[in-house]
């Protein structure tokens, strides 16, 4: 009798995301079991319950998924899950809080592809401003882009204090330097766009962060937005834009459907990778970006 592929989904929130549950089941898991209100201190016990309930050779058929809406907490839970293994009792672990790792991976991969195709250059030394940088997608996007050598600036809509704290955390956790900037007024945002070659809108759904009037900097190459709920995060970027010229600027736009298509394939693909792996694996934003690079067109 074939063993079941079982996925245990851990979240510190009140509910597990239906999106992630559906995605995991559609990818082929036989059973998906959510655990809610999980604290960091409870991760070890839950993981060890999972690993010791099956023989060592069944570890590859068991997975742990880390959810939530806090990238830092998810990474801490991810590390706790990995440290809870007692070889040869091990299982696979995948972290993607609020879909942020796969969304950020898709966004940066689409930008990288557009830079290569439209401008014959890569991410290295490209000046990137991340709007909505206090959110989970903004955090992950900044980390991925900066790891690839981009010169990243986190833009704070409510001042510089919170984005300075996030920049310090990124430096402490990943040893990557990113800048922080005050984007609390239209004038400040305009100057930041003018100083950037790429702008990424990662703000919450239904919030416009950059207007058409602010897109007129001659140096701007790409404007990408993950917000599919009107109004657009970047005015003038259509939801289905796929490196299409922007009406009000010299830049091209990448919309949320183009990014979302890659994000969907990446998350689905990583779940499939867990199911099909011959050895237990661990998956975070790095593996998500590797797959997004293969997927983006």
C-alpha atoms as a PDB file:
ATOM      1  CA  UNK A   1       0.000   0.000   0.000  1.00  0.00           C
ATOM      2  CA  UNK A   2       1.399   3.373  -1.048  1.00  0.00           C
ATOM      3  CA  UNK A   3       2.087   5.829   1.736  1.00  0.00           C
ATOM      4  CA  UNK A   4       0.073   9.028   1.856  1.00  0.00           C
ATOM      5  CA  UNK A   5       1.697  12.381   1.177  1.00  0.00           C
ATOM      6  CA  UNK A   6       0.803  14.424   4.266  1.00  0.00           C
ATOM      7  CA  UNK A   7       1.336  18.166   4.693  1.00  0.00           C
ATOM      8  CA  UNK A   8       1.138  19.804   8.119  1.00  0.00           C
ATOM      9  CA  UNK A   9       0.485  23.555   7.706  1.00  0.00           C
ATOM     10  CA  UNK A  10       1.528  25.807  10.613  1.00  0.00           C
ATOM     11  CA  UNK A  11       0.420  29.418  11.039  1.00  0.00           C
ATOM     12  CA  UNK A  12       0.611  31.874  13.944  1.00  0.00           C
ATOM     13  CA  UNK A  13      -2.666  33.400  12.691  1.00  0.00           C
ATOM     14  CA  UNK A  14      -6.254  32.547  13.575  1.00  0.00           C
ATOM     15  CA  UNK A  15      -6.873  30.940  10.181  1.00  0.00           C
ATOM     16  CA  UNK A  16      -4.842  29.060   7.613  1.00  0.00           C
ATOM     17  CA  UNK A  17      -4.957  30.613   4.151  1.00  0.00           C
ATOM     18  CA  UNK A  18      -7.508  28.828   1.902  1.00  0.00           C
ATOM     19  CA  UNK A  19      -5.268  29.777  -1.040  1.00  0.00           C
ATOM     20  CA  UNK A  20      -2.388  27.716   0.347  1.00  0.00           C
ATOM     21  CA  UNK A  21      -4.659  24.804   1.307  1.00  0.00           C
ATOM     22  CA  UNK A  22      -6.142  24.639  -2.190  1.00  0.00           C
ATOM     23  CA  UNK A  23      -2.725  24.966  -3.805  1.00  0.00           C
ATOM     24  CA  UNK A  24      -1.240  22.126  -1.750  1.00  0.00           C
ATOM     25  CA  UNK A  25      -4.130  19.768  -2.452  1.00  0.00           C
ATOM     26  CA  UNK A  26      -4.156  20.595  -6.163  1.00  0.00           C
ATOM     27  CA  UNK A  27      -0.406  19.950  -6.271  1.00  0.00           C
ATOM     28  CA  UNK A  28      -1.063  16.397  -5.113  1.00  0.00           C
ATOM     29  CA  UNK A  29      -0.898  16.119  -1.308  1.00  0.00           C
ATOM     30  CA  UNK A  30      -3.287  13.437  -0.072  1.00  0.00           C
ATOM     31  CA  UNK A  31      -3.941  15.195   3.218  1.00  0.00           C
ATOM     32  CA  UNK A  32      -3.429  18.796   4.331  1.00  0.00           C
ATOM     33  CA  UNK A  33      -3.776  19.474   8.052  1.00  0.00           C
ATOM     34  CA  UNK A  34      -3.829  23.082   9.328  1.00  0.00           C
ATOM     35  CA  UNK A  35      -2.565  24.139  12.770  1.00  0.00           C
ATOM     36  CA  UNK A  36      -3.521  27.679  13.788  1.00  0.00           C
ATOM     37  CA  UNK A  37      -2.375  30.082  16.521  1.00  0.00           C
ATOM     38  CA  UNK A  38       0.982  28.308  16.546  1.00  0.00           C
ATOM     39  CA  UNK A  39       3.697  30.115  18.491  1.00  0.00           C
ATOM     40  CA  UNK A  40       7.395  29.912  17.697  1.00  0.00           C
ATOM     41  CA  UNK A  41       7.947  27.867  20.850  1.00  0.00           C
ATOM     42  CA  UNK A  42       5.437  25.233  19.724  1.00  0.00           C
ATOM     43  CA  UNK A  43       7.091  24.482  16.372  1.00  0.00           C
ATOM     44  CA  UNK A  44       9.644  21.986  17.708  1.00  0.00           C
ATOM     45  CA  UNK A  45       7.030  19.835  19.425  1.00  0.00           C
ATOM     46  CA  UNK A  46       4.722  19.752  16.424  1.00  0.00           C
ATOM     47  CA  UNK A  47       7.527  18.888  14.018  1.00  0.00           C
ATOM     48  CA  UNK A  48       8.868  16.131  16.252  1.00  0.00           C
ATOM     49  CA  UNK A  49       5.370  14.669  16.591  1.00  0.00           C
ATOM     50  CA  UNK A  50       5.295  14.494  12.801  1.00  0.00           C
ATOM     51  CA  UNK A  51       8.760  13.012  12.298  1.00  0.00           C
ATOM     52  CA  UNK A  52       8.462  10.297  14.952  1.00  0.00           C
ATOM     53  CA  UNK A  53       5.007   9.113  13.832  1.00  0.00           C
ATOM     54  CA  UNK A  54       6.377   7.511  10.655  1.00  0.00           C
ATOM     55  CA  UNK A  55       9.467   5.405   9.907  1.00  0.00           C
ATOM     56  CA  UNK A  56      12.541   7.305   8.670  1.00  0.00           C
ATOM     57  CA  UNK A  57      12.028   6.275   5.060  1.00  0.00           C
ATOM     58  CA  UNK A  58       8.562   7.914   5.160  1.00  0.00           C
ATOM     59  CA  UNK A  59       9.985  11.296   6.069  1.00  0.00           C
ATOM     60  CA  UNK A  60      10.144  12.264   2.415  1.00  0.00           C
ATOM     61  CA  UNK A  61       6.353  11.754   2.251  1.00  0.00           C
ATOM     62  CA  UNK A  62       5.752  14.206   5.089  1.00  0.00           C
ATOM     63  CA  UNK A  63       5.934  17.989   4.825  1.00  0.00           C
ATOM     64  CA  UNK A  64       5.765  21.055   7.053  1.00  0.00           C
ATOM     65  CA  UNK A  65       4.473  24.331   5.602  1.00  0.00           C
ATOM     66  CA  UNK A  66       5.091  27.627   7.435  1.00  0.00           C
ATOM     67  CA  UNK A  67       2.489  30.338   6.812  1.00  0.00           C
ATOM     68  CA  UNK A  68       1.448  33.587   8.529  1.00  0.00           C
ATOM     69  CA  UNK A  69       1.924  37.225   7.589  1.00  0.00           C
ATOM     70  CA  UNK A  70       5.296  38.025   9.175  1.00  0.00           C
ATOM     71  CA  UNK A  71       8.394  37.187   7.140  1.00  0.00           C
ATOM     72  CA  UNK A  72      10.783  37.361  10.098  1.00  0.00           C
ATOM     73  CA  UNK A  73       8.612  35.139  12.284  1.00  0.00           C
ATOM     74  CA  UNK A  74       8.137  32.687   9.408  1.00  0.00           C
ATOM     75  CA  UNK A  75      11.905  32.480   8.924  1.00  0.00           C
ATOM     76  CA  UNK A  76      12.348  31.874  12.668  1.00  0.00           C
ATOM     77  CA  UNK A  77       9.694  29.139  12.549  1.00  0.00           C
ATOM     78  CA  UNK A  78      11.382  27.699   9.453  1.00  0.00           C
ATOM     79  CA  UNK A  79      14.712  27.543  11.297  1.00  0.00           C
ATOM     80  CA  UNK A  80      13.043  26.010  14.360  1.00  0.00           C
ATOM     81  CA  UNK A  81      11.444  23.334  12.172  1.00  0.00           C
ATOM     82  CA  UNK A  82      14.770  22.439  10.575  1.00  0.00           C
ATOM     83  CA  UNK A  83      16.515  22.275  13.959  1.00  0.00           C
ATOM     84  CA  UNK A  84      13.770  19.992  15.302  1.00  0.00           C
ATOM     85  CA  UNK A  85      14.884  17.155  13.005  1.00  0.00           C
ATOM     86  CA  UNK A  86      16.525  14.145  14.629  1.00  0.00           C
ATOM     87  CA  UNK A  87      18.303  12.269  11.817  1.00  0.00           C
ATOM     88  CA  UNK A  88      17.378   9.885  10.364  1.00  0.00           C
ATOM     89  CA  UNK A  89      13.912  11.201  11.317  1.00  0.00           C
ATOM     90  CA  UNK A  90      13.457  14.168   8.989  1.00  0.00           C
ATOM     91  CA  UNK A  91      10.718  15.797   6.873  1.00  0.00           C
ATOM     92  CA  UNK A  92      10.599  18.492   4.208  1.00  0.00           C
ATOM     93  CA  UNK A  93       9.909  22.128   5.152  1.00  0.00           C
ATOM     94  CA  UNK A  94       8.533  24.945   2.983  1.00  0.00           C
ATOM     95  CA  UNK A  95       7.987  28.541   4.158  1.00  0.00           C
ATOM     96  CA  UNK A  96       5.824  31.031   2.258  1.00  0.00           C
ATOM     97  CA  UNK A  97       4.096  33.457   4.681  1.00  0.00           C
ATOM     98  CA  UNK A  98       1.093  35.140   3.018  1.00  0.00           C
ATOM     99  CA  UNK A  99       2.513  33.893  -0.271  1.00  0.00           C
ATOM    100  CA  UNK A 100       5.181  36.552   0.134  1.00  0.00           C
ATOM    101  CA  UNK A 101       8.234  34.449  -0.718  1.00  0.00           C
ATOM    102  CA  UNK A 102       6.746  33.198  -3.971  1.00  0.00           C
ATOM    103  CA  UNK A 103       5.177  36.588  -4.847  1.00  0.00           C
ATOM    104  CA  UNK A 104       8.425  38.448  -4.198  1.00  0.00           C
ATOM    105  CA  UNK A 105      10.373  35.838  -6.161  1.00  0.00           C
ATOM    106  CA  UNK A 106       7.979  36.202  -9.093  1.00  0.00           C
ATOM    107  CA  UNK A 107       8.153  39.997  -9.012  1.00  0.00           C
ATOM    108  CA  UNK A 108      11.944  40.163  -9.008  1.00  0.00           C
ATOM    109  CA  UNK A 109      12.197  37.440 -11.666  1.00  0.00           C
ATOM    110  CA  UNK A 110       9.803  39.326 -13.971  1.00  0.00           C
ATOM    111  CA  UNK A 111      11.778  42.540 -13.457  1.00  0.00           C
ATOM    112  CA  UNK A 112      15.045  40.730 -14.148  1.00  0.00           C
ATOM    113  CA  UNK A 113      13.617  39.246 -17.349  1.00  0.00           C
ATOM    114  CA  UNK A 114      12.374  42.670 -18.501  1.00  0.00           C
ATOM    115  CA  UNK A 115      15.751  44.262 -17.787  1.00  0.00           C
ATOM    116  CA  UNK A 116      17.453  41.602 -19.891  1.00  0.00           C
ATOM    117  CA  UNK A 117      15.001  41.708 -22.805  1.00  0.00           C
ATOM    118  CA  UNK A 118      14.239  45.422 -22.963  1.00  0.00           C
ATOM    119  CA  UNK A 119      17.450  47.011 -21.707  1.00  0.00           C
ATOM    120  CA  UNK A 120      20.157  44.322 -22.050  1.00  0.00           C
ATOM    121  CA  UNK A 121      21.190  44.484 -18.416  1.00  0.00           C
ATOM    122  CA  UNK A 122      20.614  42.638 -15.147  1.00  0.00           C
ATOM    123  CA  UNK A 123      19.741  43.391 -11.555  1.00  0.00           C
ATOM    124  CA  UNK A 124      23.291  44.145 -10.410  1.00  0.00           C
ATOM    125  CA  UNK A 125      23.750  47.843  -9.577  1.00  0.00           C
ATOM    126  CA  UNK A 126      20.208  48.642 -10.717  1.00  0.00           C
ATOM    127  CA  UNK A 127      18.624  51.318  -8.525  1.00  0.00           C
ATOM    128  CA  UNK A 128      15.393  49.860  -7.123  1.00  0.00           C
ATOM    129  CA  UNK A 129      12.878  51.627  -4.871  1.00  0.00           C
ATOM    130  CA  UNK A 130      10.443  49.389  -2.983  1.00  0.00           C
ATOM    131  CA  UNK A 131       7.170  51.105  -2.080  1.00  0.00           C
ATOM    132  CA  UNK A 132       5.104  49.297   0.533  1.00  0.00           C
ATOM    133  CA  UNK A 133       8.352  48.122   2.049  1.00  0.00           C
ATOM    134  CA  UNK A 134       6.912  47.651   5.550  1.00  0.00           C
ATOM    135  CA  UNK A 135       4.790  44.750   4.313  1.00  0.00           C
ATOM    136  CA  UNK A 136       5.796  41.112   4.036  1.00  0.00           C
ATOM    137  CA  UNK A 137       6.085  41.127   0.219  1.00  0.00           C
ATOM    138  CA  UNK A 138       8.113  44.340   0.267  1.00  0.00           C
ATOM    139  CA  UNK A 139      10.509  42.856   2.815  1.00  0.00           C
ATOM    140  CA  UNK A 140      11.108  39.701   0.775  1.00  0.00           C
ATOM    141  CA  UNK A 141      11.361  41.584  -2.521  1.00  0.00           C
ATOM    142  CA  UNK A 142      14.029  43.854  -1.080  1.00  0.00           C
ATOM    143  CA  UNK A 143      16.044  40.898   0.216  1.00  0.00           C
ATOM    144  CA  UNK A 144      15.916  38.964  -3.063  1.00  0.00           C
ATOM    145  CA  UNK A 145      16.809  41.993  -5.208  1.00  0.00           C
ATOM    146  CA  UNK A 146      19.622  43.076  -2.890  1.00  0.00           C
ATOM    147  CA  UNK A 147      21.081  39.547  -2.828  1.00  0.00           C
ATOM    148  CA  UNK A 148      21.342  39.807  -6.616  1.00  0.00           C
ATOM    149  CA  UNK A 149      23.368  43.004  -6.346  1.00  0.00           C
ATOM    150  CA  UNK A 150      20.660  45.616  -6.850  1.00  0.00           C
ATOM    151  CA  UNK A 151      20.907  48.925  -4.985  1.00  0.00           C
ATOM    152  CA  UNK A 152      17.685  48.760  -3.016  1.00  0.00           C
ATOM    153  CA  UNK A 153      15.883  51.560  -1.177  1.00  0.00           C
ATOM    154  CA  UNK A 154      12.981  50.821   1.174  1.00  0.00           C
ATOM    155  CA  UNK A 155      10.391  53.600   0.977  1.00  0.00           C
ATOM    156  CA  UNK A 156       8.294  54.360   4.052  1.00  0.00           C
ATOM    157  CA  UNK A 157       4.876  55.852   3.401  1.00  0.00           C
ATOM    158  CA  UNK A 158       4.643  57.004   7.010  1.00  0.00           C
ATOM    159  CA  UNK A 159       8.203  58.269   7.389  1.00  0.00           C
ATOM    160  CA  UNK A 160      11.628  56.723   7.644  1.00  0.00           C
ATOM    161  CA  UNK A 161      11.596  55.153  11.117  1.00  0.00           C
ATOM    162  CA  UNK A 162       9.953  51.824  10.311  1.00  0.00           C
ATOM    163  CA  UNK A 163      11.869  51.236   7.079  1.00  0.00           C
ATOM    164  CA  UNK A 164      15.126  52.030   8.895  1.00  0.00           C
ATOM    165  CA  UNK A 165      14.248  49.284  11.365  1.00  0.00           C
ATOM    166  CA  UNK A 166      13.531  46.869   8.516  1.00  0.00           C
ATOM    167  CA  UNK A 167      16.805  47.800   6.805  1.00  0.00           C
ATOM    168  CA  UNK A 168      18.621  47.085  10.066  1.00  0.00           C
ATOM    169  CA  UNK A 169      16.896  43.711  10.375  1.00  0.00           C
ATOM    170  CA  UNK A 170      17.842  42.778   6.808  1.00  0.00           C
ATOM    171  CA  UNK A 171      21.449  43.712   7.566  1.00  0.00           C
ATOM    172  CA  UNK A 172      21.431  41.707  10.791  1.00  0.00           C
ATOM    173  CA  UNK A 173      19.682  38.623   9.420  1.00  0.00           C
ATOM    174  CA  UNK A 174      21.160  38.414   5.912  1.00  0.00           C
ATOM    175  CA  UNK A 175      24.239  40.670   6.060  1.00  0.00           C
ATOM    176  CA  UNK A 176      22.803  42.663   3.154  1.00  0.00           C
ATOM    177  CA  UNK A 177      22.799  46.460   3.037  1.00  0.00           C
ATOM    178  CA  UNK A 178      19.679  48.262   1.825  1.00  0.00           C
ATOM    179  CA  UNK A 179      18.826  51.952   2.153  1.00  0.00           C
ATOM    180  CA  UNK A 180      15.767  53.530   3.755  1.00  0.00           C
ATOM    181  CA  UNK A 181      13.940  56.655   2.607  1.00  0.00           C
ATOM    182  CA  UNK A 182      11.016  58.837   3.671  1.00  0.00           C
ATOM    183  CA  UNK A 183       8.173  58.611   1.146  1.00  0.00           C
ATOM    184  CA  UNK A 184       5.529  60.306   3.259  1.00  0.00           C
ATOM    185  CA  UNK A 185       4.764  63.118   0.793  1.00  0.00           C
ATOM    186  CA  UNK A 186       4.168  63.399  -2.947  1.00  0.00           C
ATOM    187  CA  UNK A 187       7.291  65.532  -3.385  1.00  0.00           C
ATOM    188  CA  UNK A 188       9.452  62.938  -1.619  1.00  0.00           C
ATOM    189  CA  UNK A 189       7.971  60.110  -3.670  1.00  0.00           C
ATOM    190  CA  UNK A 190       8.555  62.035  -6.894  1.00  0.00           C
ATOM    191  CA  UNK A 191      12.227  62.534  -6.045  1.00  0.00           C
ATOM    192  CA  UNK A 192      12.610  58.859  -5.155  1.00  0.00           C
ATOM    193  CA  UNK A 193      11.073  57.779  -8.476  1.00  0.00           C
ATOM    194  CA  UNK A 194      13.345  60.197 -10.332  1.00  0.00           C
ATOM    195  CA  UNK A 195      16.371  58.651  -8.623  1.00  0.00           C
ATOM    196  CA  UNK A 196      15.307  55.072  -9.443  1.00  0.00           C
ATOM    197  CA  UNK A 197      15.585  52.818 -12.464  1.00  0.00           C
ATOM    198  CA  UNK A 198      13.001  50.357 -11.155  1.00  0.00           C
ATOM    199  CA  UNK A 199      10.095  50.960  -8.804  1.00  0.00           C
ATOM    200  CA  UNK A 200       8.215  48.111  -7.138  1.00  0.00           C
ATOM    201  CA  UNK A 201       4.807  48.655  -5.552  1.00  0.00           C
ATOM    202  CA  UNK A 202       4.226  46.114  -2.783  1.00  0.00           C
ATOM    203  CA  UNK A 203       1.618  48.042  -0.794  1.00  0.00           C
ATOM    204  CA  UNK A 204      -1.645  46.526   0.437  1.00  0.00           C
ATOM    205  CA  UNK A 205      -4.452  45.927  -2.032  1.00  0.00           C
ATOM    206  CA  UNK A 206      -6.471  48.899  -3.259  1.00  0.00           C
ATOM    207  CA  UNK A 207      -3.941  51.587  -2.319  1.00  0.00           C
ATOM    208  CA  UNK A 208      -2.337  53.812  -4.955  1.00  0.00           C
ATOM    209  CA  UNK A 209       1.220  54.666  -3.942  1.00  0.00           C
ATOM    210  CA  UNK A 210       2.607  56.235  -7.136  1.00  0.00           C
ATOM    211  CA  UNK A 211       0.674  58.451  -9.582  1.00  0.00           C
ATOM    212  CA  UNK A 212       1.181  58.919 -13.334  1.00  0.00           C
ATOM    213  CA  UNK A 213       2.563  62.383 -12.662  1.00  0.00           C
ATOM    214  CA  UNK A 214       5.360  60.836 -10.596  1.00  0.00           C
ATOM    215  CA  UNK A 215       6.484  58.462 -13.376  1.00  0.00           C
ATOM    216  CA  UNK A 216       8.149  61.013 -15.619  1.00  0.00           C
ATOM    217  CA  UNK A 217      11.763  60.533 -14.585  1.00  0.00           C
ATOM    218  CA  UNK A 218      13.928  59.939 -17.651  1.00  0.00           C
ATOM    219  CA  UNK A 219      15.942  57.262 -15.858  1.00  0.00           C
ATOM    220  CA  UNK A 220      12.974  55.078 -14.938  1.00  0.00           C
ATOM    221  CA  UNK A 221      13.017  51.750 -16.790  1.00  0.00           C
ATOM    222  CA  UNK A 222      10.430  49.527 -15.099  1.00  0.00           C
ATOM    223  CA  UNK A 223       7.415  49.998 -12.831  1.00  0.00           C
ATOM    224  CA  UNK A 224       6.024  46.773 -11.340  1.00  0.00           C
ATOM    225  CA  UNK A 225       2.920  46.393  -9.175  1.00  0.00           C
ATOM    226  CA  UNK A 226       1.505  43.386  -7.277  1.00  0.00           C
ATOM    227  CA  UNK A 227      -1.847  45.018  -6.437  1.00  0.00           C
ATOM    228  CA  UNK A 228      -4.738  43.554  -8.459  1.00  0.00           C
ATOM    229  CA  UNK A 229      -7.469  45.446  -6.554  1.00  0.00           C
ATOM    230  CA  UNK A 230      -8.424  48.891  -7.969  1.00  0.00           C
ATOM    231  CA  UNK A 231      -6.961  51.418  -7.805  1.00  0.00           C
ATOM    232  CA  UNK A 232      -3.605  50.170  -9.046  1.00  0.00           C
ATOM    233  CA  UNK A 233      -0.638  50.629  -6.758  1.00  0.00           C
ATOM    234  CA  UNK A 234       1.110  52.425  -9.614  1.00  0.00           C
ATOM    235  CA  UNK A 235      -1.316  54.486 -11.660  1.00  0.00           C
ATOM    236  CA  UNK A 236      -1.205  53.532 -15.315  1.00  0.00           C
ATOM    237  CA  UNK A 237       0.137  49.994 -14.838  1.00  0.00           C
ATOM    238  CA  UNK A 238      -2.575  47.693 -16.185  1.00  0.00           C
ATOM    239  CA  UNK A 239      -3.323  44.499 -14.289  1.00  0.00           C
ATOM    240  CA  UNK A 240      -2.256  42.423 -17.304  1.00  0.00           C
ATOM    241  CA  UNK A 241       0.764  44.544 -18.299  1.00  0.00           C
ATOM    242  CA  UNK A 242       3.709  42.356 -19.259  1.00  0.00           C
ATOM    243  CA  UNK A 243       6.640  44.696 -19.894  1.00  0.00           C
ATOM    244  CA  UNK A 244       4.279  46.977 -21.853  1.00  0.00           C
ATOM    245  CA  UNK A 245       5.132  50.676 -22.463  1.00  0.00           C
ATOM    246  CA  UNK A 246       3.580  53.067 -19.950  1.00  0.00           C
ATOM    247  CA  UNK A 247       1.485  55.875 -21.393  1.00  0.00           C
ATOM    248  CA  UNK A 248       2.817  58.544 -19.066  1.00  0.00           C
ATOM    249  CA  UNK A 249       6.472  57.526 -19.024  1.00  0.00           C
ATOM    250  CA  UNK A 250       9.368  56.057 -20.979  1.00  0.00           C
ATOM    251  CA  UNK A 251       9.335  53.023 -18.718  1.00  0.00           C
ATOM    252  CA  UNK A 252       7.562  49.686 -19.166  1.00  0.00           C
ATOM    253  CA  UNK A 253       5.035  48.306 -16.728  1.00  0.00           C
ATOM    254  CA  UNK A 254       4.600  44.863 -15.192  1.00  0.00           C
ATOM    255  CA  UNK A 255       1.170  44.242 -13.684  1.00  0.00           C
ATOM    256  CA  UNK A 256      -0.131  41.913 -10.982  1.00  0.00           C
ATOM    257  CA  UNK A 257      -1.516  39.274 -13.334  1.00  0.00           C
ATOM    258  CA  UNK A 258       1.847  38.805 -15.050  1.00  0.00           C
ATOM    259  CA  UNK A 259       3.523  38.536 -11.647  1.00  0.00           C
ATOM    260  CA  UNK A 260       0.706  36.411 -10.224  1.00  0.00           C
ATOM    261  CA  UNK A 261       0.943  33.906 -13.054  1.00  0.00           C
ATOM    262  CA  UNK A 262       4.581  33.232 -12.161  1.00  0.00           C
ATOM    263  CA  UNK A 263       3.818  33.252  -8.419  1.00  0.00           C
ATOM    264  CA  UNK A 264       1.100  30.626  -8.886  1.00  0.00           C
ATOM    265  CA  UNK A 265       3.403  28.363 -10.898  1.00  0.00           C
ATOM    266  CA  UNK A 266       6.216  28.760  -8.361  1.00  0.00           C
ATOM    267  CA  UNK A 267       4.149  27.913  -5.287  1.00  0.00           C
ATOM    268  CA  UNK A 268       2.482  24.993  -7.092  1.00  0.00           C
ATOM    269  CA  UNK A 269       5.877  23.876  -8.365  1.00  0.00           C
ATOM    270  CA  UNK A 270       7.485  23.937  -4.926  1.00  0.00           C
ATOM    271  CA  UNK A 271       4.640  21.877  -3.465  1.00  0.00           C
ATOM    272  CA  UNK A 272       5.129  19.397  -6.320  1.00  0.00           C
ATOM    273  CA  UNK A 273       8.839  19.366  -5.595  1.00  0.00           C
ATOM    274  CA  UNK A 274       8.120  18.380  -1.972  1.00  0.00           C
ATOM    275  CA  UNK A 275       5.883  15.529  -3.123  1.00  0.00           C
ATOM    276  CA  UNK A 276       8.248  14.214  -5.786  1.00  0.00           C
ATOM    277  CA  UNK A 277      11.549  14.604  -3.914  1.00  0.00           C
ATOM    278  CA  UNK A 278      13.575  11.467  -3.258  1.00  0.00           C
ATOM    279  CA  UNK A 279      15.158  13.093  -0.196  1.00  0.00           C
ATOM    280  CA  UNK A 280      13.714  15.594   2.277  1.00  0.00           C
ATOM    281  CA  UNK A 281      14.185  19.219   1.193  1.00  0.00           C
ATOM    282  CA  UNK A 282      13.882  22.729   2.633  1.00  0.00           C
ATOM    283  CA  UNK A 283      12.365  25.551   0.590  1.00  0.00           C
ATOM    284  CA  UNK A 284      12.335  29.284   1.304  1.00  0.00           C
ATOM    285  CA  UNK A 285      12.584  32.460  -0.803  1.00  0.00           C
ATOM    286  CA  UNK A 286      15.916  31.402  -2.321  1.00  0.00           C
ATOM    287  CA  UNK A 287      14.446  28.250  -3.866  1.00  0.00           C
ATOM    288  CA  UNK A 288      11.345  30.244  -4.828  1.00  0.00           C
ATOM    289  CA  UNK A 289      13.469  32.751  -6.741  1.00  0.00           C
ATOM    290  CA  UNK A 290      15.436  30.012  -8.488  1.00  0.00           C
ATOM    291  CA  UNK A 291      12.202  28.468  -9.764  1.00  0.00           C
ATOM    292  CA  UNK A 292      10.723  31.886 -10.619  1.00  0.00           C
ATOM    293  CA  UNK A 293      13.759  32.604 -12.801  1.00  0.00           C
ATOM    294  CA  UNK A 294      13.115  29.391 -14.709  1.00  0.00           C
ATOM    295  CA  UNK A 295       9.411  30.209 -15.025  1.00  0.00           C
ATOM    296  CA  UNK A 296       9.384  33.936 -15.888  1.00  0.00           C
ATOM    297  CA  UNK A 297       9.069  34.871 -19.554  1.00  0.00           C
END
